């Protein structure tokens, strides 16, 4: 019994040209100007968006679930001091 291959072979007209030296999209090589600004802003949004939401998830997990702390002023202050 033979197993099917992981990926079927591409038709000849869809295979990348191994002799091509230019990138598929000329803008991808060295972005400048507005494209660089957009890519930079997107990267900052991903990084700071993750940093901004992670403490919210951590706070939620501290007080919910089987091993969550009781919701008391002392526990809230303690968890917030760890996050900040």
Protein backbone atom coordinates (compact mmCIF):
# COMPACT_ATOMS: atom_id res chain seq x y z
CA UNK A 1 0.00 0.00 0.00
CA UNK A 2 1.34 3.44 -0.89
CA UNK A 3 0.53 6.64 0.94
CA UNK A 4 -0.50 9.75 -1.01
CA UNK A 5 2.16 12.43 -1.24
CA UNK A 6 1.93 15.38 1.12
CA UNK A 7 1.55 17.90 -1.67
CA UNK A 8 0.63 17.21 -5.26
CA UNK A 9 2.99 18.41 -7.96
CA UNK A 10 2.19 21.80 -9.43
CA UNK A 11 1.45 22.10 -13.13
CA UNK A 12 4.42 23.44 -15.08
CA UNK A 13 2.83 26.85 -15.69
CA UNK A 14 2.34 27.42 -11.91
CA UNK A 15 5.85 26.51 -10.76
CA UNK A 16 8.16 29.37 -9.78
CA UNK A 17 10.92 30.14 -12.23
CA UNK A 18 14.21 29.12 -10.53
CA UNK A 19 16.19 31.48 -12.76
CA UNK A 20 14.15 34.54 -11.70
CA UNK A 21 16.26 37.01 -9.72
CA UNK A 22 13.60 39.63 -9.01
CA UNK A 23 11.17 39.24 -6.10
CA UNK A 24 7.57 38.41 -6.90
CA UNK A 25 6.55 41.89 -5.76
CA UNK A 26 9.12 44.65 -6.28
CA UNK A 27 7.83 46.54 -3.22
CA UNK A 28 8.82 43.71 -0.87
CA UNK A 29 12.59 44.01 -1.33
CA UNK A 30 13.23 47.38 0.37
CA UNK A 31 10.08 49.28 1.36
CA UNK A 32 10.41 53.06 1.57
CA UNK A 33 8.15 56.03 2.09
CA UNK A 34 4.49 55.39 2.76
CA UNK A 35 4.89 51.62 2.50
CA UNK A 36 7.63 51.59 5.15
CA UNK A 37 5.51 53.81 7.40
CA UNK A 38 2.52 51.51 7.02
CA UNK A 39 4.59 48.39 7.72
CA UNK A 40 6.18 50.05 10.78
CA UNK A 41 2.82 51.16 12.15
CA UNK A 42 1.40 47.68 11.64
CA UNK A 43 4.34 46.08 13.46
CA UNK A 44 3.97 48.51 16.37
CA UNK A 45 0.25 47.77 16.53
CA UNK A 46 0.89 44.05 16.76
CA UNK A 47 3.53 44.41 19.47
CA UNK A 48 1.75 46.97 21.63
CA UNK A 49 -1.66 45.41 21.04
CA UNK A 50 -0.34 42.15 22.44
CA UNK A 51 1.34 43.88 25.38
CA UNK A 52 -1.86 45.80 26.07
CA UNK A 53 -4.18 42.81 26.13
CA UNK A 54 -1.93 40.27 27.85
CA UNK A 55 -2.35 41.85 31.32
CA UNK A 56 -6.12 41.74 30.88
CA UNK A 57 -6.02 38.01 30.16
CA UNK A 58 -3.60 37.44 33.04
CA UNK A 59 -5.86 39.35 35.42
CA UNK A 60 -8.89 37.34 34.30
CA UNK A 61 -7.06 34.04 34.78
CA UNK A 62 -5.93 34.98 38.29
CA UNK A 63 -9.51 35.26 39.54
CA UNK A 64 -11.34 32.58 37.49
CA UNK A 65 -11.09 28.85 37.10
CA UNK A 66 -10.44 26.09 39.60
CA UNK A 67 -7.33 27.68 41.11
CA UNK A 68 -8.47 31.32 41.01
CA UNK A 69 -7.90 33.63 43.97
CA UNK A 70 -10.90 34.94 45.92
CA UNK A 71 -11.97 38.40 44.76
CA UNK A 72 -10.86 40.50 47.74
CA UNK A 73 -9.34 43.99 47.80
CA UNK A 74 -6.00 42.60 49.03
CA UNK A 75 -5.84 39.99 46.23
CA UNK A 76 -6.80 42.55 43.57
CA UNK A 77 -4.09 44.93 44.79
CA UNK A 78 -1.52 42.14 44.93
CA UNK A 79 -2.24 40.86 41.41
CA UNK A 80 -2.29 44.41 39.97
CA UNK A 81 1.08 45.13 41.61
CA UNK A 82 2.52 42.03 39.94
CA UNK A 83 1.19 43.03 36.52
CA UNK A 84 2.27 46.67 36.77
